Amino acid sequence: MGDPRLNGSHLGLTRHDRYDAVVDEMLDDRGSATAQADPLARPPMVPRTPLRRELPPGGTFTLVSLADGRRHPLRVGINSVGRFPENDLVLGERCVSRRHCVVLVHATGGCEVYDTASRNGTWVNRRRVGRVELLPGDVLMLCNHQFLVAWVGPDGELHQPSAGSDTVCHSELSPTG
């Protein structure tokens, strides 16, 4: 059986084709190390060179709500976001698509977001995206929901982007949100 987080049967024909193409691309892009670390994932069809970032060891990518500071840790592999209860991060507002986007965290340290044919789009740093790499300090927006992309070390502290980065940094966020 396929991954229930990626079921696009609710979509009409036009959006279903776009959704399937994005999901297939994302599954192929994730690499074998990430596929093996994600217990619900099917193996990738084509091996690829993983993304690498210089981040402190032992941490995890986390989405931090800019509305209330709440943290949503991301696990290695597929992290689906949308209205459906099968998603890893459920956002209940009607403007959020049932399967809005997927955040793919690579076992080798990279992180990407894929818009999965959402009606209102997935935005990173105020730009509408189809697929883009995420870095600590980026702001991910889905309708009215804004999340800071953060790297949280094993001590619970938020890792800030390096000086000169073009990403947004919100140092006023509490590490215990």
C-alpha atoms as a PDB file:
ATOM      1  CA  MET A   1       0.000   0.000   0.000  1.00  0.00           C
ATOM      2  CA  GLY A   2       1.190   3.533  -0.756  1.00  0.00           C
ATOM      3  CA  ASP A   3       1.974   6.214   1.785  1.00  0.00           C
ATOM      4  CA  PRO A   4      -1.396   7.524   3.088  1.00  0.00           C
ATOM      5  CA  ARG A   5       0.121  11.002   3.484  1.00  0.00           C
ATOM      6  CA  LEU A   6       0.474  11.214  -0.300  1.00  0.00           C
ATOM      7  CA  ASN A   7      -2.929  10.005  -1.495  1.00  0.00           C
ATOM      8  CA  GLY A   8      -4.199  12.457  -4.125  1.00  0.00           C
ATOM      9  CA  SER A   9      -7.469  10.691  -4.982  1.00  0.00           C
ATOM     10  CA  HIS A  10      -9.491  13.678  -3.697  1.00  0.00           C
ATOM     11  CA  LEU A  11      -8.260  15.908  -6.543  1.00  0.00           C
ATOM     12  CA  GLY A  12      -9.924  16.524  -9.892  1.00  0.00           C
ATOM     13  CA  LEU A  13      -8.190  15.300 -13.057  1.00  0.00           C
ATOM     14  CA  THR A  14      -6.248  18.490 -13.830  1.00  0.00           C
ATOM     15  CA  ARG A  15      -4.848  18.967 -10.326  1.00  0.00           C
ATOM     16  CA  HIS A  16      -4.384  15.204  -9.832  1.00  0.00           C
ATOM     17  CA  ASP A  17      -1.940  15.016 -12.757  1.00  0.00           C
ATOM     18  CA  ARG A  18       0.088  17.972 -11.394  1.00  0.00           C
ATOM     19  CA  TYR A  19      -0.011  16.471  -7.890  1.00  0.00           C
ATOM     20  CA  ASP A  20       1.203  13.066  -9.116  1.00  0.00           C
ATOM     21  CA  ALA A  21       4.063  14.684 -11.052  1.00  0.00           C
ATOM     22  CA  VAL A  22       5.231  16.651  -7.991  1.00  0.00           C
ATOM     23  CA  VAL A  23       4.975  13.612  -5.696  1.00  0.00           C
ATOM     24  CA  ASP A  24       6.918  11.444  -8.163  1.00  0.00           C
ATOM     25  CA  GLU A  25       9.649  14.107  -8.442  1.00  0.00           C
ATOM     26  CA  MET A  26       9.862  14.464  -4.660  1.00  0.00           C
ATOM     27  CA  LEU A  27      10.077  10.692  -4.119  1.00  0.00           C
ATOM     28  CA  ASP A  28      12.826  10.397  -6.722  1.00  0.00           C
ATOM     29  CA  ASP A  29      14.747  13.355  -5.234  1.00  0.00           C
ATOM     30  CA  ARG A  30      14.849  12.161  -1.662  1.00  0.00           C
ATOM     31  CA  GLY A  31      17.723   9.668  -2.079  1.00  0.00           C
ATOM     32  CA  SER A  32      18.207   6.199  -0.644  1.00  0.00           C
ATOM     33  CA  ALA A  33      19.509   7.250   2.806  1.00  0.00           C
ATOM     34  CA  THR A  34      16.416   9.377   3.389  1.00  0.00           C
ATOM     35  CA  ALA A  35      14.086   6.662   2.078  1.00  0.00           C
ATOM     36  CA  GLN A  36      15.621   4.123   4.436  1.00  0.00           C
ATOM     37  CA  ALA A  37      15.211   6.495   7.401  1.00  0.00           C
ATOM     38  CA  ASP A  38      11.496   7.081   6.652  1.00  0.00           C
ATOM     39  CA  PRO A  39       9.517   3.989   7.746  1.00  0.00           C
ATOM     40  CA  LEU A  40       6.444   4.827   5.611  1.00  0.00           C
ATOM     41  CA  ALA A  41       8.320   5.589   2.389  1.00  0.00           C
ATOM     42  CA  ARG A  42       8.732   3.535  -0.761  1.00  0.00           C
ATOM     43  CA  PRO A  43      12.303   3.282  -2.087  1.00  0.00           C
ATOM     44  CA  PRO A  44      13.479   5.979  -4.535  1.00  0.00           C
ATOM     45  CA  MET A  45      13.469   5.187  -8.236  1.00  0.00           C
ATOM     46  CA  VAL A  46      16.654   7.053  -9.137  1.00  0.00           C
ATOM     47  CA  PRO A  47      19.634   7.658  -6.845  1.00  0.00           C
ATOM     48  CA  ARG A  48      20.724  11.288  -6.532  1.00  0.00           C
ATOM     49  CA  THR A  49      23.413  13.320  -4.874  1.00  0.00           C
ATOM     50  CA  PRO A  50      22.014  14.478  -1.518  1.00  0.00           C
ATOM     51  CA  LEU A  51      22.014  18.092  -0.397  1.00  0.00           C
ATOM     52  CA  ARG A  52      24.534  18.964   2.312  1.00  0.00           C
ATOM     53  CA  ARG A  53      24.450  21.844   4.755  1.00  0.00           C
ATOM     54  CA  GLU A  54      26.832  22.808   7.507  1.00  0.00           C
ATOM     55  CA  LEU A  55      24.570  22.476  10.526  1.00  0.00           C
ATOM     56  CA  PRO A  56      25.518  21.503  14.065  1.00  0.00           C
ATOM     57  CA  PRO A  57      25.340  17.714  14.567  1.00  0.00           C
ATOM     58  CA  GLY A  58      22.554  16.031  16.483  1.00  0.00           C
ATOM     59  CA  GLY A  59      19.756  18.477  15.713  1.00  0.00           C
ATOM     60  CA  THR A  60      16.630  18.501  13.622  1.00  0.00           C
ATOM     61  CA  PHE A  61      14.787  20.792  11.244  1.00  0.00           C
ATOM     62  CA  THR A  62      11.759  22.322  12.940  1.00  0.00           C
ATOM     63  CA  LEU A  63       8.943  24.596  11.806  1.00  0.00           C
ATOM     64  CA  VAL A  64       8.247  27.308  14.388  1.00  0.00           C
ATOM     65  CA  SER A  65       4.862  29.008  14.156  1.00  0.00           C
ATOM     66  CA  LEU A  66       5.300  32.774  13.949  1.00  0.00           C
ATOM     67  CA  ALA A  67       1.798  33.170  15.430  1.00  0.00           C
ATOM     68  CA  ASP A  68       2.397  31.383  18.738  1.00  0.00           C
ATOM     69  CA  GLY A  69       6.000  30.083  18.765  1.00  0.00           C
ATOM     70  CA  ARG A  70       4.849  26.456  18.774  1.00  0.00           C
ATOM     71  CA  ARG A  71       7.433  24.037  17.380  1.00  0.00           C
ATOM     72  CA  HIS A  72       6.712  21.318  14.860  1.00  0.00           C
ATOM     73  CA  PRO A  73       9.787  19.046  14.630  1.00  0.00           C
ATOM     74  CA  LEU A  74      10.349  17.476  11.219  1.00  0.00           C
ATOM     75  CA  ARG A  75      11.616  13.944  10.888  1.00  0.00           C
ATOM     76  CA  VAL A  76      13.934  12.626   8.211  1.00  0.00           C
ATOM     77  CA  GLY A  77      11.860  11.751   5.160  1.00  0.00           C
ATOM     78  CA  ILE A  78       8.435  12.976   4.107  1.00  0.00           C
ATOM     79  CA  ASN A  79       6.555  15.483   6.271  1.00  0.00           C
ATOM     80  CA  SER A  80       3.155  16.180   4.706  1.00  0.00           C
ATOM     81  CA  VAL A  81       1.255  19.380   5.506  1.00  0.00           C
ATOM     82  CA  GLY A  82      -2.413  20.127   4.865  1.00  0.00           C
ATOM     83  CA  ARG A  83      -6.006  19.822   6.096  1.00  0.00           C
ATOM     84  CA  PHE A  84      -6.353  16.023   5.924  1.00  0.00           C
ATOM     85  CA  PRO A  85      -5.891  14.295   9.307  1.00  0.00           C
ATOM     86  CA  GLU A  86      -3.390  11.856   7.718  1.00  0.00           C
ATOM     87  CA  ASN A  87      -0.879  14.701   7.312  1.00  0.00           C
ATOM     88  CA  ASP A  88       2.066  15.033   9.653  1.00  0.00           C
ATOM     89  CA  LEU A  89       1.184  18.695  10.282  1.00  0.00           C
ATOM     90  CA  VAL A  90      -2.570  19.349  10.134  1.00  0.00           C
ATOM     91  CA  LEU A  91      -3.756  22.906   9.481  1.00  0.00           C
ATOM     92  CA  GLY A  92      -7.546  23.113   9.695  1.00  0.00           C
ATOM     93  CA  GLU A  93      -8.383  26.278   7.749  1.00  0.00           C
ATOM     94  CA  ARG A  94     -10.293  25.849   4.472  1.00  0.00           C
ATOM     95  CA  CYS A  95      -7.778  27.945   2.513  1.00  0.00           C
ATOM     96  CA  VAL A  96      -5.138  25.271   3.226  1.00  0.00           C
ATOM     97  CA  SER A  97      -5.372  22.441   0.679  1.00  0.00           C
ATOM     98  CA  ARG A  98      -6.014  18.917   1.892  1.00  0.00           C
ATOM     99  CA  ARG A  99      -2.515  17.942   0.715  1.00  0.00           C
ATOM    100  CA  HIS A 100      -0.921  21.380   0.564  1.00  0.00           C
ATOM    101  CA  CYS A 101       2.808  20.629   0.513  1.00  0.00           C
ATOM    102  CA  VAL A 102       5.522  18.203   1.538  1.00  0.00           C
ATOM    103  CA  VAL A 103       8.660  19.097   3.451  1.00  0.00           C
ATOM    104  CA  LEU A 104      11.362  16.569   2.629  1.00  0.00           C
ATOM    105  CA  VAL A 105      14.191  16.300   5.150  1.00  0.00           C
ATOM    106  CA  HIS A 106      17.207  14.436   3.808  1.00  0.00           C
ATOM    107  CA  ALA A 107      19.169  12.064   6.033  1.00  0.00           C
ATOM    108  CA  THR A 108      22.298  13.836   4.807  1.00  0.00           C
ATOM    109  CA  GLY A 109      21.248  17.257   6.112  1.00  0.00           C
ATOM    110  CA  GLY A 110      19.247  19.037   3.403  1.00  0.00           C
ATOM    111  CA  CYS A 111      15.623  20.143   3.537  1.00  0.00           C
ATOM    112  CA  GLU A 112      13.232  21.010   0.682  1.00  0.00           C
ATOM    113  CA  VAL A 113       9.589  21.970   0.294  1.00  0.00           C
ATOM    114  CA  TYR A 114       7.392  20.807  -2.591  1.00  0.00           C
ATOM    115  CA  ASP A 115       4.039  22.445  -3.312  1.00  0.00           C
ATOM    116  CA  THR A 116       1.684  19.572  -4.122  1.00  0.00           C
ATOM    117  CA  ALA A 117      -0.700  21.355  -6.504  1.00  0.00           C
ATOM    118  CA  SER A 118      -2.247  23.443  -3.712  1.00  0.00           C
ATOM    119  CA  ARG A 119      -4.881  25.983  -4.678  1.00  0.00           C
ATOM    120  CA  ASN A 120      -3.388  28.930  -2.745  1.00  0.00           C
ATOM    121  CA  GLY A 121       0.287  28.127  -3.176  1.00  0.00           C
ATOM    122  CA  THR A 122       3.278  27.522  -0.971  1.00  0.00           C
ATOM    123  CA  TRP A 123       5.440  30.559  -0.266  1.00  0.00           C
ATOM    124  CA  VAL A 124       9.031  30.835   0.987  1.00  0.00           C
ATOM    125  CA  ASN A 125      10.378  34.265   1.923  1.00  0.00           C
ATOM    126  CA  ARG A 126       7.395  35.929   0.210  1.00  0.00           C
ATOM    127  CA  ARG A 127       7.955  34.083  -3.083  1.00  0.00           C
ATOM    128  CA  ARG A 128       5.569  31.472  -4.444  1.00  0.00           C
ATOM    129  CA  VAL A 129       7.451  28.219  -5.005  1.00  0.00           C
ATOM    130  CA  GLY A 130       6.938  24.843  -6.606  1.00  0.00           C
ATOM    131  CA  ARG A 131      10.046  23.279  -5.120  1.00  0.00           C
ATOM    132  CA  VAL A 132      12.840  24.965  -3.197  1.00  0.00           C
ATOM    133  CA  GLU A 133      15.551  24.152  -0.698  1.00  0.00           C
ATOM    134  CA  LEU A 134      14.809  25.366   2.843  1.00  0.00           C
ATOM    135  CA  LEU A 135      17.470  26.828   5.095  1.00  0.00           C
ATOM    136  CA  PRO A 136      17.336  27.894   8.739  1.00  0.00           C
ATOM    137  CA  GLY A 137      15.837  31.390   8.817  1.00  0.00           C
ATOM    138  CA  ASP A 138      13.536  30.904   5.831  1.00  0.00           C
ATOM    139  CA  VAL A 139       9.844  31.695   6.352  1.00  0.00           C
ATOM    140  CA  LEU A 140       7.380  29.141   4.983  1.00  0.00           C
ATOM    141  CA  MET A 141       3.849  30.463   4.447  1.00  0.00           C
ATOM    142  CA  LEU A 142       0.695  28.478   3.719  1.00  0.00           C
ATOM    143  CA  CYS A 143      -2.309  30.829   3.526  1.00  0.00           C
ATOM    144  CA  ASN A 144      -2.319  32.662   6.890  1.00  0.00           C
ATOM    145  CA  HIS A 145       0.129  30.254   8.553  1.00  0.00           C
ATOM    146  CA  GLN A 146       3.749  31.411   8.763  1.00  0.00           C
ATOM    147  CA  PHE A 147       6.547  29.188  10.007  1.00  0.00           C
ATOM    148  CA  LEU A 148      10.198  29.937  10.643  1.00  0.00           C
ATOM    149  CA  VAL A 149      12.387  27.112   9.326  1.00  0.00           C
ATOM    150  CA  ALA A 150      14.797  26.404  12.167  1.00  0.00           C
ATOM    151  CA  TRP A 151      17.560  23.999  13.062  1.00  0.00           C
ATOM    152  CA  VAL A 152      17.175  22.976  16.677  1.00  0.00           C
ATOM    153  CA  GLY A 153      20.254  21.500  18.295  1.00  0.00           C
ATOM    154  CA  PRO A 154      20.146  18.642  20.811  1.00  0.00           C
ATOM    155  CA  ASP A 155      20.186  21.251  23.606  1.00  0.00           C
ATOM    156  CA  GLY A 156      16.915  22.751  22.277  1.00  0.00           C
ATOM    157  CA  GLU A 157      18.538  25.968  21.068  1.00  0.00           C
ATOM    158  CA  LEU A 158      17.584  27.478  17.695  1.00  0.00           C
ATOM    159  CA  HIS A 159      20.473  27.670  15.223  1.00  0.00           C
ATOM    160  CA  GLN A 160      20.614  31.073  13.544  1.00  0.00           C
ATOM    161  CA  PRO A 161      21.571  31.534   9.880  1.00  0.00           C
ATOM    162  CA  SER A 162      25.082  32.699   9.167  1.00  0.00           C
ATOM    163  CA  ALA A 163      25.851  36.403   8.757  1.00  0.00           C
ATOM    164  CA  GLY A 164      25.235  37.640   5.229  1.00  0.00           C
ATOM    165  CA  SER A 165      22.494  35.088   4.619  1.00  0.00           C
ATOM    166  CA  ASP A 166      19.522  36.256   2.558  1.00  0.00           C
ATOM    167  CA  THR A 167      17.129  34.339   4.800  1.00  0.00           C
ATOM    168  CA  VAL A 168      14.955  35.945   7.441  1.00  0.00           C
ATOM    169  CA  CYS A 169      16.078  35.532  11.050  1.00  0.00           C
ATOM    170  CA  HIS A 170      13.710  35.953  13.985  1.00  0.00           C
ATOM    171  CA  SER A 171      15.934  36.097  17.050  1.00  0.00           C
ATOM    172  CA  GLU A 172      13.006  37.150  19.257  1.00  0.00           C
ATOM    173  CA  LEU A 173      11.595  33.607  19.146  1.00  0.00           C
ATOM    174  CA  SER A 174      11.890  31.759  22.403  1.00  0.00           C
ATOM    175  CA  PRO A 175      13.705  28.402  22.219  1.00  0.00           C
ATOM    176  CA  THR A 176      11.044  26.865  24.464  1.00  0.00           C
ATOM    177  CA  GLY A 177       7.992  27.860  22.335  1.00  0.00           C
END
